[in-house]
Structure formats: structure tokens, C-alpha cells
Amino acid sequence: MKIKLPFLILLLFFGVSAGRAQTGFSGLVLEVGGQAAGMGEAYSAVASTPVALYWNPAGLSQVMDVQIEVAHNKWILNIMSDYMAIALPVRTFHVGAFASFTNVGGIEYRIGPSAEPLATIGETSFVAGFGGSKSLTSWLDAGVTLKYLYYKIFTNQSWGFAFDVGTQAKMPIKGLKAAVVIQNLGGMTNLYSQEMKLPGQMRIGVAYQLPVKFMSGRWLFASDYFIGFSSKNHLDFGAEYKIFNQLSLRAGYQTNYEIKSWHVGAGFRGHNWQIDYGFVPLNLGLAPGHRVSLNFYL
């Protein structure tokens, strides 16, 4: 049995759900982390925990001890994604490794119009890799992430490799940072007779930590300009208010998406752990998205 029709339907589904062009291996654009979700994905200049391996590997330079981070993403319909990463400093470098798994269940398989599907199938994708960063100067960090990619739907499979490269820079204004990251450069084998196009993209971001406290808390503001190599560009905005260095309240906004715009979230820091949650209301009558992450400081 051929799978061209459901494969194309799946790509269309992912393209609409992410608000981006229909490129292969769209699981790469399912974002990671509760803090990023709460701040509207404006995160390239903020990333400073193991999830920097996803957002901007230069952020690994902010990891000053061994950290383990796990994250879960419940997206629309039956899309579930899990992510685990570890990062640590090694002499003058900062290194990390990660693995993520995305599953879509309940896809109805049909060759043509029919009352009942011939079967119910699933789609899975797996990404694993490692990365590192280094402080090139007192104000500039640079990093790279290398990724192995595996994708399967029904009995058809594809695999390949990709990499990300990014920078974070401290600006002359106290508390101001800038970032540039290019993601998903690489390729994959064909899936059945379909070419798998990776969702290449660039993020240009800024983040500003107010140097003074406000009512016993600190404000963080961030913005990313997203450039999709085969999709729409858009702007992300986010803010975080951290009270007593423990409780964080967040909000964000994304432009040029059909199904999402506002984000909200919160986080709490314990002695050697932190939990973050992001809530993403969706349009078109879709159930909201939920992202949660837990970071351990060892």
C-alpha cells in the first residue's frame, strides 16, 4: 500500500499547526521548554540552561555547574514531544548532549474516500546530538549543535544529519544581550518518493535585564525576529518578572501565526531545581498547548 496521500496530509497538518511552510521533519520546530513557551518563544538571547542545545548553543556558556533538564510538550490533537538534555562546564568549554522524541498517534490511513480508514497509524521522529560553546572574548560566546535525525511514518523511514550555530553577545549597555542563531542546516534521505526538506531558520534576538529591582523583583524583556528559509517570518516578544529569585511570572506574544499569538507561564526555583510551565491558547477551536520543563542543578 502506498502512503503518499496520508504523508502529504501530515505535512499539511504540521505546516498549518506550526504556521510555517510545509517542510519535512517538522518535529524540529516543536519548541522546547516551559520558560520559552511562557515568553512567547523570544528566547535566542535568553537561553542559558541545557535547552540552549535547541534554542542557541552559545547559551551553554552560561551553564556553570552540571545541569540536567527534561521537558514535555503536549501540542494540538495527538502530538506529544519529550526532551532530555545534560550540560556542564569542561575547562574553558561548555558541552552538552540531548535526545528528543516526538510521536503523533491516531493518523487515519486511507487510499481514497471511505467511511472507515484502512488502518490507524502513527508518526515518530527522533533527534539526538551534542554541542558545545566557548567564550571567545569577555563579551562574545559562540556555540554549535550537531544532530542526528530519524523520521518514520507507517513503514517508511528517513534519516539524516543537521547542525545549528549561534552566538550571544553582551552589549555595552548593562543588562542588554544580543543573539544570532542559524538552525537545521543539513539534509535527510528521501521518505518513500518524497524529498525531506529540513525547516532551516534563523533567529535574531535581544534580551534586556533591568539593572534595578522593582517591588523586590526583576524584569526581563526579550524579542526574537524569526526568519524561515521556506516559511513566514515573524516577531516574538516576551517578558518575565522574577520575585525573590524564586517565583517567575511570564507573558509573550507572537505575530504572523494563524493559530496562536498570546502565551503565559510561570516558574518556581527550589534549592537545586527549577520547574517552568508555559500555556499556549490556540485559535480555530483547537485545544491549548502545554509545555513543562524541570531543571536539576547538580
C-alpha atoms as a PDB file:
ATOM      1  CA  MET A   1       0.000   0.000   0.000  1.00  0.00           C
ATOM      2  CA  LYS A   2       1.271   3.453  -0.868  1.00  0.00           C
ATOM      3  CA  ILE A   3       1.342   6.210   1.667  1.00  0.00           C
ATOM      4  CA  LYS A   4       1.610   9.324  -0.466  1.00  0.00           C
ATOM      5  CA  LEU A   5      -1.791  10.712   0.481  1.00  0.00           C
ATOM      6  CA  PRO A   6      -1.522  10.466   4.290  1.00  0.00           C
ATOM      7  CA  PHE A   7       2.093  11.650   4.130  1.00  0.00           C
ATOM      8  CA  LEU A   8       1.091  14.820   2.307  1.00  0.00           C
ATOM      9  CA  ILE A   9      -1.833  15.306   4.678  1.00  0.00           C
ATOM     10  CA  LEU A  10       0.558  15.008   7.619  1.00  0.00           C
ATOM     11  CA  LEU A  11       2.903  17.619   6.201  1.00  0.00           C
ATOM     12  CA  LEU A  12      -0.028  19.950   5.576  1.00  0.00           C
ATOM     13  CA  PHE A  13      -1.228  19.363   9.125  1.00  0.00           C
ATOM     14  CA  PHE A  14       2.174  20.189  10.612  1.00  0.00           C
ATOM     15  CA  GLY A  15       2.564  23.209   8.347  1.00  0.00           C
ATOM     16  CA  VAL A  16      -0.738  24.668   9.496  1.00  0.00           C
ATOM     17  CA  SER A  17      -0.131  23.762  13.129  1.00  0.00           C
ATOM     18  CA  ALA A  18       3.254  25.453  13.219  1.00  0.00           C
ATOM     19  CA  GLY A  19       2.214  28.353  10.983  1.00  0.00           C
ATOM     20  CA  ARG A  20       5.181  27.640   8.718  1.00  0.00           C
ATOM     21  CA  ALA A  21       5.805  26.187   5.300  1.00  0.00           C
ATOM     22  CA  GLN A  22       5.313  22.505   4.650  1.00  0.00           C
ATOM     23  CA  THR A  23       8.837  21.173   5.062  1.00  0.00           C
ATOM     24  CA  GLY A  24       9.868  17.697   6.071  1.00  0.00           C
ATOM     25  CA  PHE A  25      10.721  16.724   9.652  1.00  0.00           C
ATOM     26  CA  SER A  26       8.554  19.451  11.090  1.00  0.00           C
ATOM     27  CA  GLY A  27       9.082  17.969  14.549  1.00  0.00           C
ATOM     28  CA  LEU A  28      12.269  20.056  14.608  1.00  0.00           C
ATOM     29  CA  VAL A  29      10.152  23.190  15.009  1.00  0.00           C
ATOM     30  CA  LEU A  30       8.187  21.949  18.038  1.00  0.00           C
ATOM     31  CA  GLU A  31       9.765  24.287  20.570  1.00  0.00           C
ATOM     32  CA  VAL A  32      11.241  23.121  23.879  1.00  0.00           C
ATOM     33  CA  GLY A  33      10.974  24.391  27.448  1.00  0.00           C
ATOM     34  CA  GLY A  34       8.398  25.962  29.741  1.00  0.00           C
ATOM     35  CA  GLN A  35      10.233  29.265  30.162  1.00  0.00           C
ATOM     36  CA  ALA A  36      10.485  29.784  26.401  1.00  0.00           C
ATOM     37  CA  ALA A  37       6.786  28.952  25.977  1.00  0.00           C
ATOM     38  CA  GLY A  38       5.768  31.457  28.636  1.00  0.00           C
ATOM     39  CA  MET A  39       7.852  34.182  26.960  1.00  0.00           C
ATOM     40  CA  GLY A  40       6.366  33.726  23.500  1.00  0.00           C
ATOM     41  CA  GLU A  41       9.421  31.870  22.139  1.00  0.00           C
ATOM     42  CA  ALA A  42      11.555  35.038  22.362  1.00  0.00           C
ATOM     43  CA  TYR A  43      14.453  33.006  23.649  1.00  0.00           C
ATOM     44  CA  SER A  44      17.582  33.052  21.482  1.00  0.00           C
ATOM     45  CA  ALA A  45      19.262  35.670  23.706  1.00  0.00           C
ATOM     46  CA  VAL A  46      17.787  34.226  26.934  1.00  0.00           C
ATOM     47  CA  ALA A  47      18.718  30.518  26.631  1.00  0.00           C
ATOM     48  CA  SER A  48      21.155  29.601  29.419  1.00  0.00           C
ATOM     49  CA  THR A  49      20.236  26.064  30.519  1.00  0.00           C
ATOM     50  CA  PRO A  50      20.593  22.677  28.745  1.00  0.00           C
ATOM     51  CA  VAL A  51      17.702  23.545  26.383  1.00  0.00           C
ATOM     52  CA  ALA A  52      20.145  26.004  24.813  1.00  0.00           C
ATOM     53  CA  LEU A  53      21.125  22.979  22.711  1.00  0.00           C
ATOM     54  CA  TYR A  54      17.779  23.527  20.973  1.00  0.00           C
ATOM     55  CA  TRP A  55      17.471  27.332  21.059  1.00  0.00           C
ATOM     56  CA  ASN A  56      21.024  28.643  20.779  1.00  0.00           C
ATOM     57  CA  PRO A  57      24.102  26.548  21.639  1.00  0.00           C
ATOM     58  CA  ALA A  58      26.035  29.694  22.588  1.00  0.00           C
ATOM     59  CA  GLY A  59      23.847  29.814  25.710  1.00  0.00           C
ATOM     60  CA  LEU A  60      25.693  26.783  27.090  1.00  0.00           C
ATOM     61  CA  SER A  61      28.433  29.195  28.169  1.00  0.00           C
ATOM     62  CA  GLN A  62      26.067  30.334  30.952  1.00  0.00           C
ATOM     63  CA  VAL A  63      25.966  26.830  32.476  1.00  0.00           C
ATOM     64  CA  MET A  64      28.315  26.955  35.463  1.00  0.00           C
ATOM     65  CA  ASP A  65      27.581  23.544  37.001  1.00  0.00           C
ATOM     66  CA  VAL A  66      26.205  20.178  35.918  1.00  0.00           C
ATOM     67  CA  GLN A  67      22.568  20.565  34.868  1.00  0.00           C
ATOM     68  CA  ILE A  68      20.003  18.037  33.686  1.00  0.00           C
ATOM     69  CA  GLU A  69      16.801  19.266  32.074  1.00  0.00           C
ATOM     70  CA  VAL A  70      13.728  17.310  30.991  1.00  0.00           C
ATOM     71  CA  ALA A  71      10.802  18.793  29.087  1.00  0.00           C
ATOM     72  CA  HIS A  72       7.393  17.712  27.808  1.00  0.00           C
ATOM     73  CA  ASN A  73       5.301  19.324  25.078  1.00  0.00           C
ATOM     74  CA  LYS A  74       1.602  18.496  24.624  1.00  0.00           C
ATOM     75  CA  TRP A  75       0.596  20.062  21.344  1.00  0.00           C
ATOM     76  CA  ILE A  76      -2.594  20.000  19.303  1.00  0.00           C
ATOM     77  CA  LEU A  77      -4.522  16.767  18.783  1.00  0.00           C
ATOM     78  CA  ASN A  78      -2.260  13.773  19.438  1.00  0.00           C
ATOM     79  CA  ILE A  79       1.180  15.382  19.207  1.00  0.00           C
ATOM     80  CA  MET A  80       3.465  14.633  22.161  1.00  0.00           C
ATOM     81  CA  SER A  81       7.138  15.521  22.417  1.00  0.00           C
ATOM     82  CA  ASP A  82       9.707  14.778  25.131  1.00  0.00           C
ATOM     83  CA  TYR A  83      13.192  16.220  25.506  1.00  0.00           C
ATOM     84  CA  MET A  84      16.115  15.473  27.826  1.00  0.00           C
ATOM     85  CA  ALA A  85      19.481  17.211  27.967  1.00  0.00           C
ATOM     86  CA  ILE A  86      22.581  17.480  30.121  1.00  0.00           C
ATOM     87  CA  ALA A  87      25.127  20.318  30.134  1.00  0.00           C
ATOM     88  CA  LEU A  88      28.294  21.033  32.083  1.00  0.00           C
ATOM     89  CA  PRO A  89      31.479  23.131  32.005  1.00  0.00           C
ATOM     90  CA  VAL A  90      34.703  21.383  30.963  1.00  0.00           C
ATOM     91  CA  ARG A  91      37.774  23.577  31.444  1.00  0.00           C
ATOM     92  CA  THR A  92      37.347  26.507  29.051  1.00  0.00           C
ATOM     93  CA  PHE A  93      34.468  24.874  27.172  1.00  0.00           C
ATOM     94  CA  HIS A  94      30.834  24.151  27.967  1.00  0.00           C
ATOM     95  CA  VAL A  95      29.385  20.972  26.494  1.00  0.00           C
ATOM     96  CA  GLY A  96      26.076  19.142  26.419  1.00  0.00           C
ATOM     97  CA  ALA A  97      24.098  16.288  24.894  1.00  0.00           C
ATOM     98  CA  PHE A  98      20.394  15.784  24.279  1.00  0.00           C
ATOM     99  CA  ALA A  99      17.722  13.467  22.889  1.00  0.00           C
ATOM    100  CA  SER A 100      14.131  14.192  21.892  1.00  0.00           C
ATOM    101  CA  PHE A 101      11.243  12.018  20.794  1.00  0.00           C
ATOM    102  CA  THR A 102       8.051  13.181  19.077  1.00  0.00           C
ATOM    103  CA  ASN A 103       5.018  10.999  18.452  1.00  0.00           C
ATOM    104  CA  VAL A 104       1.790  11.590  16.563  1.00  0.00           C
ATOM    105  CA  GLY A 105      -0.814   8.871  17.038  1.00  0.00           C
ATOM    106  CA  GLY A 106      -4.213   8.182  15.553  1.00  0.00           C
ATOM    107  CA  ILE A 107      -3.457   9.115  11.927  1.00  0.00           C
ATOM    108  CA  GLU A 108      -6.155   7.542   9.751  1.00  0.00           C
ATOM    109  CA  TYR A 109      -4.757   5.778   6.687  1.00  0.00           C
ATOM    110  CA  ARG A 110      -6.856   5.921   3.511  1.00  0.00           C
ATOM    111  CA  ILE A 111      -6.062   5.393  -0.162  1.00  0.00           C
ATOM    112  CA  GLY A 112      -9.232   7.220  -1.248  1.00  0.00           C
ATOM    113  CA  PRO A 113     -12.559   8.460   0.172  1.00  0.00           C
ATOM    114  CA  SER A 114     -14.047   5.880   2.539  1.00  0.00           C
ATOM    115  CA  ALA A 115     -16.309   5.730   5.577  1.00  0.00           C
ATOM    116  CA  GLU A 116     -13.715   3.886   7.612  1.00  0.00           C
ATOM    117  CA  PRO A 117      -9.906   4.094   7.430  1.00  0.00           C
ATOM    118  CA  LEU A 118      -7.922   1.076   6.320  1.00  0.00           C
ATOM    119  CA  ALA A 119      -5.772   1.424   9.417  1.00  0.00           C
ATOM    120  CA  THR A 120      -4.722   3.828  12.146  1.00  0.00           C
ATOM    121  CA  ILE A 121      -1.019   4.574  12.014  1.00  0.00           C
ATOM    122  CA  GLY A 122       1.498   6.741  13.840  1.00  0.00           C
ATOM    123  CA  GLU A 123       4.360   9.065  13.038  1.00  0.00           C
ATOM    124  CA  THR A 124       7.539   9.207  15.099  1.00  0.00           C
ATOM    125  CA  SER A 125      10.657  11.331  14.980  1.00  0.00           C
ATOM    126  CA  PHE A 126      13.855  11.088  16.987  1.00  0.00           C
ATOM    127  CA  VAL A 127      16.596  13.688  17.325  1.00  0.00           C
ATOM    128  CA  ALA A 128      19.797  13.243  19.320  1.00  0.00           C
ATOM    129  CA  GLY A 129      23.085  15.035  19.392  1.00  0.00           C
ATOM    130  CA  PHE A 130      25.639  17.047  21.259  1.00  0.00           C
ATOM    131  CA  GLY A 131      27.004  20.562  21.288  1.00  0.00           C
ATOM    132  CA  GLY A 132      29.484  22.920  22.798  1.00  0.00           C
ATOM    133  CA  SER A 133      30.198  26.576  23.325  1.00  0.00           C
ATOM    134  CA  LYS A 134      33.143  28.758  24.204  1.00  0.00           C
ATOM    135  CA  SER A 135      33.632  32.333  25.322  1.00  0.00           C
ATOM    136  CA  LEU A 136      35.635  33.905  22.515  1.00  0.00           C
ATOM    137  CA  THR A 137      36.018  37.208  24.355  1.00  0.00           C
ATOM    138  CA  SER A 138      34.733  38.705  27.592  1.00  0.00           C
ATOM    139  CA  TRP A 139      31.562  39.719  25.761  1.00  0.00           C
ATOM    140  CA  LEU A 140      31.051  37.135  22.988  1.00  0.00           C
ATOM    141  CA  ASP A 141      30.054  33.448  23.220  1.00  0.00           C
ATOM    142  CA  ALA A 142      29.721  31.073  20.258  1.00  0.00           C
ATOM    143  CA  GLY A 143      28.399  27.532  20.037  1.00  0.00           C
ATOM    144  CA  VAL A 144      27.375  24.699  17.738  1.00  0.00           C
ATOM    145  CA  THR A 145      24.944  21.766  17.984  1.00  0.00           C
ATOM    146  CA  LEU A 146      25.269  18.602  15.864  1.00  0.00           C
ATOM    147  CA  LYS A 147      22.134  16.476  15.376  1.00  0.00           C
ATOM    148  CA  TYR A 148      21.207  13.009  14.131  1.00  0.00           C
ATOM    149  CA  LEU A 149      17.670  12.868  12.709  1.00  0.00           C
ATOM    150  CA  TYR A 150      15.325   9.902  12.286  1.00  0.00           C
ATOM    151  CA  TYR A 151      11.755  10.011  10.974  1.00  0.00           C
ATOM    152  CA  LYS A 152       9.211   7.240  10.417  1.00  0.00           C
ATOM    153  CA  ILE A 153       5.591   7.150   9.284  1.00  0.00           C
ATOM    154  CA  PHE A 154       3.852   3.842   8.660  1.00  0.00           C
ATOM    155  CA  THR A 155       6.659   1.653   7.226  1.00  0.00           C
ATOM    156  CA  ASN A 156       8.558   4.489   5.532  1.00  0.00           C
ATOM    157  CA  GLN A 157      11.729   5.844   7.130  1.00  0.00           C
ATOM    158  CA  SER A 158      14.224   8.651   6.620  1.00  0.00           C
ATOM    159  CA  TRP A 159      17.392   9.720   8.409  1.00  0.00           C
ATOM    160  CA  GLY A 160      19.985  12.448   8.193  1.00  0.00           C
ATOM    161  CA  PHE A 161      22.162  14.987   9.962  1.00  0.00           C
ATOM    162  CA  ALA A 162      21.917  18.695  10.728  1.00  0.00           C
ATOM    163  CA  PHE A 163      23.638  21.378  12.763  1.00  0.00           C
ATOM    164  CA  ASP A 164      22.930  24.713  14.456  1.00  0.00           C
ATOM    165  CA  VAL A 165      25.388  27.544  15.045  1.00  0.00           C
ATOM    166  CA  GLY A 166      24.803  30.559  17.264  1.00  0.00           C
ATOM    167  CA  THR A 167      26.253  33.479  19.178  1.00  0.00           C
ATOM    168  CA  GLN A 168      25.321  35.518  22.228  1.00  0.00           C
ATOM    169  CA  ALA A 169      26.909  38.897  22.930  1.00  0.00           C
ATOM    170  CA  LYS A 170      26.872  41.264  25.895  1.00  0.00           C
ATOM    171  CA  MET A 171      26.198  44.798  24.717  1.00  0.00           C
ATOM    172  CA  PRO A 172      27.807  47.964  26.173  1.00  0.00           C
ATOM    173  CA  ILE A 173      24.508  48.757  27.919  1.00  0.00           C
ATOM    174  CA  LYS A 174      24.365  46.899  31.221  1.00  0.00           C
ATOM    175  CA  GLY A 175      21.882  44.025  31.121  1.00  0.00           C
ATOM    176  CA  LEU A 176      21.498  44.037  27.332  1.00  0.00           C
ATOM    177  CA  LYS A 177      22.335  40.932  25.248  1.00  0.00           C
ATOM    178  CA  ALA A 178      22.017  40.130  21.549  1.00  0.00           C
ATOM    179  CA  ALA A 179      21.968  36.793  19.762  1.00  0.00           C
ATOM    180  CA  VAL A 180      22.043  35.283  16.292  1.00  0.00           C
ATOM    181  CA  VAL A 181      21.421  31.597  15.620  1.00  0.00           C
ATOM    182  CA  ILE A 182      21.001  29.588  12.412  1.00  0.00           C
ATOM    183  CA  GLN A 183      19.257  26.235  12.808  1.00  0.00           C
ATOM    184  CA  ASN A 184      18.609  22.971  10.979  1.00  0.00           C
ATOM    185  CA  LEU A 185      21.245  23.138   8.272  1.00  0.00           C
ATOM    186  CA  GLY A 186      21.669  19.671   6.776  1.00  0.00           C
ATOM    187  CA  GLY A 187      19.782  17.004   4.895  1.00  0.00           C
ATOM    188  CA  MET A 188      17.908  13.693   5.030  1.00  0.00           C
ATOM    189  CA  THR A 189      17.286  10.717   2.813  1.00  0.00           C
ATOM    190  CA  ASN A 190      14.053  10.593   0.807  1.00  0.00           C
ATOM    191  CA  LEU A 191      10.943   9.292   2.548  1.00  0.00           C
ATOM    192  CA  TYR A 192       9.384   6.835   0.098  1.00  0.00           C
ATOM    193  CA  SER A 193       9.450   9.050  -3.020  1.00  0.00           C
ATOM    194  CA  GLN A 194       9.146  12.339  -1.120  1.00  0.00           C
ATOM    195  CA  GLU A 195      12.068  14.711  -0.571  1.00  0.00           C
ATOM    196  CA  MET A 196      12.568  15.576   3.088  1.00  0.00           C
ATOM    197  CA  LYS A 197      13.286  19.284   3.404  1.00  0.00           C
ATOM    198  CA  LEU A 198      14.545  20.453   6.761  1.00  0.00           C
ATOM    199  CA  PRO A 199      12.964  23.592   8.263  1.00  0.00           C
ATOM    200  CA  GLY A 200      16.017  25.843   8.057  1.00  0.00           C
ATOM    201  CA  GLN A 201      15.643  29.065  10.018  1.00  0.00           C
ATOM    202  CA  MET A 202      17.419  31.998  11.647  1.00  0.00           C
ATOM    203  CA  ARG A 203      16.678  33.887  14.844  1.00  0.00           C
ATOM    204  CA  ILE A 204      17.976  37.351  15.681  1.00  0.00           C
ATOM    205  CA  GLY A 205      17.233  38.237  19.268  1.00  0.00           C
ATOM    206  CA  VAL A 206      17.775  40.711  22.072  1.00  0.00           C
ATOM    207  CA  ALA A 207      17.181  40.465  25.816  1.00  0.00           C
ATOM    208  CA  TYR A 208      17.302  43.184  28.438  1.00  0.00           C
ATOM    209  CA  GLN A 209      17.513  42.535  32.168  1.00  0.00           C
ATOM    210  CA  LEU A 210      16.561  45.704  34.054  1.00  0.00           C
ATOM    211  CA  PRO A 211      19.535  46.561  36.297  1.00  0.00           C
ATOM    212  CA  VAL A 212      17.314  47.665  39.205  1.00  0.00           C
ATOM    213  CA  LYS A 213      14.721  45.779  41.211  1.00  0.00           C
ATOM    214  CA  PHE A 214      11.025  46.644  41.120  1.00  0.00           C
ATOM    215  CA  MET A 215       8.960  45.640  44.172  1.00  0.00           C
ATOM    216  CA  SER A 216      11.551  43.013  45.246  1.00  0.00           C
ATOM    217  CA  GLY A 217      11.659  41.550  41.745  1.00  0.00           C
ATOM    218  CA  ARG A 218      13.493  41.897  38.449  1.00  0.00           C
ATOM    219  CA  TRP A 219      12.149  42.378  34.931  1.00  0.00           C
ATOM    220  CA  LEU A 220      13.474  40.603  31.836  1.00  0.00           C
ATOM    221  CA  PHE A 221      12.323  41.643  28.360  1.00  0.00           C
ATOM    222  CA  ALA A 222      13.150  39.774  25.151  1.00  0.00           C
ATOM    223  CA  SER A 223      12.367  39.766  21.456  1.00  0.00           C
ATOM    224  CA  ASP A 224      13.246  37.485  18.532  1.00  0.00           C
ATOM    225  CA  TYR A 225      12.913  38.082  14.814  1.00  0.00           C
ATOM    226  CA  PHE A 226      12.336  34.702  13.184  1.00  0.00           C
ATOM    227  CA  ILE A 227      13.395  34.200   9.555  1.00  0.00           C
ATOM    228  CA  GLY A 228      12.165  30.987   7.954  1.00  0.00           C
ATOM    229  CA  PHE A 229      14.127  29.880   4.903  1.00  0.00           C
ATOM    230  CA  SER A 230      10.938  28.349   3.467  1.00  0.00           C
ATOM    231  CA  SER A 231       8.257  29.843   5.704  1.00  0.00           C
ATOM    232  CA  LYS A 232       6.823  33.087   7.021  1.00  0.00           C
ATOM    233  CA  ASN A 233       8.892  35.480   9.098  1.00  0.00           C
ATOM    234  CA  HIS A 234       7.513  36.694  12.400  1.00  0.00           C
ATOM    235  CA  LEU A 235       8.291  38.587  15.595  1.00  0.00           C
ATOM    236  CA  ASP A 236       8.239  37.139  19.103  1.00  0.00           C
ATOM    237  CA  PHE A 237       8.009  39.222  22.278  1.00  0.00           C
ATOM    238  CA  GLY A 238       8.317  38.083  25.889  1.00  0.00           C
ATOM    239  CA  ALA A 239       8.615  39.360  29.440  1.00  0.00           C
ATOM    240  CA  GLU A 240       9.428  37.776  32.790  1.00  0.00           C
ATOM    241  CA  TYR A 241       9.022  39.153  36.308  1.00  0.00           C
ATOM    242  CA  LYS A 242      11.054  37.238  38.915  1.00  0.00           C
ATOM    243  CA  ILE A 243      10.225  37.710  42.593  1.00  0.00           C
ATOM    244  CA  PHE A 244      12.823  36.958  45.317  1.00  0.00           C
ATOM    245  CA  ASN A 245      14.735  34.920  42.704  1.00  0.00           C
ATOM    246  CA  GLN A 246      12.168  32.129  43.148  1.00  0.00           C
ATOM    247  CA  LEU A 247       8.791  32.797  41.540  1.00  0.00           C
ATOM    248  CA  SER A 248       8.681  33.874  37.878  1.00  0.00           C
ATOM    249  CA  LEU A 249       5.619  35.190  36.032  1.00  0.00           C
ATOM    250  CA  ARG A 250       5.767  35.366  32.228  1.00  0.00           C
ATOM    251  CA  ALA A 251       3.854  36.527  29.185  1.00  0.00           C
ATOM    252  CA  GLY A 252       4.597  36.635  25.476  1.00  0.00           C
ATOM    253  CA  TYR A 253       3.160  37.380  22.055  1.00  0.00           C
ATOM    254  CA  GLN A 254       3.884  36.032  18.562  1.00  0.00           C
ATOM    255  CA  THR A 255       2.953  37.655  15.271  1.00  0.00           C
ATOM    256  CA  ASN A 256       2.023  36.199  11.868  1.00  0.00           C
ATOM    257  CA  TYR A 257       0.665  32.861  13.094  1.00  0.00           C
ATOM    258  CA  GLU A 258      -2.821  31.658  12.233  1.00  0.00           C
ATOM    259  CA  ILE A 259      -3.414  29.547  15.309  1.00  0.00           C
ATOM    260  CA  LYS A 260      -1.512  31.237  18.141  1.00  0.00           C
ATOM    261  CA  SER A 261      -0.488  34.639  19.492  1.00  0.00           C
ATOM    262  CA  TRP A 262      -0.553  35.090  23.290  1.00  0.00           C
ATOM    263  CA  HIS A 263       1.470  32.972  25.705  1.00  0.00           C
ATOM    264  CA  VAL A 264       1.563  32.909  29.507  1.00  0.00           C
ATOM    265  CA  GLY A 265       3.608  30.935  32.002  1.00  0.00           C
ATOM    266  CA  ALA A 266       5.225  30.670  35.394  1.00  0.00           C
ATOM    267  CA  GLY A 267       8.242  29.118  37.059  1.00  0.00           C
ATOM    268  CA  PHE A 268       9.469  28.279  40.535  1.00  0.00           C
ATOM    269  CA  ARG A 269      13.068  27.849  41.687  1.00  0.00           C
ATOM    270  CA  GLY A 270      13.935  25.489  44.546  1.00  0.00           C
ATOM    271  CA  HIS A 271      17.271  24.861  46.220  1.00  0.00           C
ATOM    272  CA  ASN A 272      18.759  22.825  43.364  1.00  0.00           C
ATOM    273  CA  TRP A 273      15.888  22.573  40.890  1.00  0.00           C
ATOM    274  CA  GLN A 274      13.523  24.700  38.848  1.00  0.00           C
ATOM    275  CA  ILE A 275      10.176  23.928  37.232  1.00  0.00           C
ATOM    276  CA  ASP A 276       8.702  26.003  34.392  1.00  0.00           C
ATOM    277  CA  TYR A 277       5.297  25.883  32.712  1.00  0.00           C
ATOM    278  CA  GLY A 278       4.005  27.537  29.556  1.00  0.00           C
ATOM    279  CA  PHE A 279       0.396  27.768  28.369  1.00  0.00           C
ATOM    280  CA  VAL A 280      -0.390  28.490  24.709  1.00  0.00           C
ATOM    281  CA  PRO A 281      -4.044  29.326  23.873  1.00  0.00           C
ATOM    282  CA  LEU A 282      -4.889  28.358  20.284  1.00  0.00           C
ATOM    283  CA  ASN A 283      -7.317  29.714  17.725  1.00  0.00           C
ATOM    284  CA  LEU A 284      -9.640  27.848  15.315  1.00  0.00           C
ATOM    285  CA  GLY A 285     -11.274  25.952  18.168  1.00  0.00           C
ATOM    286  CA  LEU A 286      -8.125  23.928  18.935  1.00  0.00           C
ATOM    287  CA  ALA A 287      -7.276  22.770  22.439  1.00  0.00           C
ATOM    288  CA  PRO A 288      -4.441  24.774  24.047  1.00  0.00           C
ATOM    289  CA  GLY A 289      -0.826  23.671  24.131  1.00  0.00           C
ATOM    290  CA  HIS A 290       1.056  22.905  27.346  1.00  0.00           C
ATOM    291  CA  ARG A 291       4.815  22.840  27.918  1.00  0.00           C
ATOM    292  CA  VAL A 292       6.560  21.950  31.143  1.00  0.00           C
ATOM    293  CA  SER A 293      10.257  21.563  31.937  1.00  0.00           C
ATOM    294  CA  LEU A 294      12.232  20.575  35.030  1.00  0.00           C
ATOM    295  CA  ASN A 295      15.875  21.519  35.524  1.00  0.00           C
ATOM    296  CA  PHE A 296      18.166  19.933  38.131  1.00  0.00           C
ATOM    297  CA  TYR A 297      21.355  21.683  39.315  1.00  0.00           C
ATOM    298  CA  LEU A 298      23.849  19.040  40.488  1.00  0.00           C
END
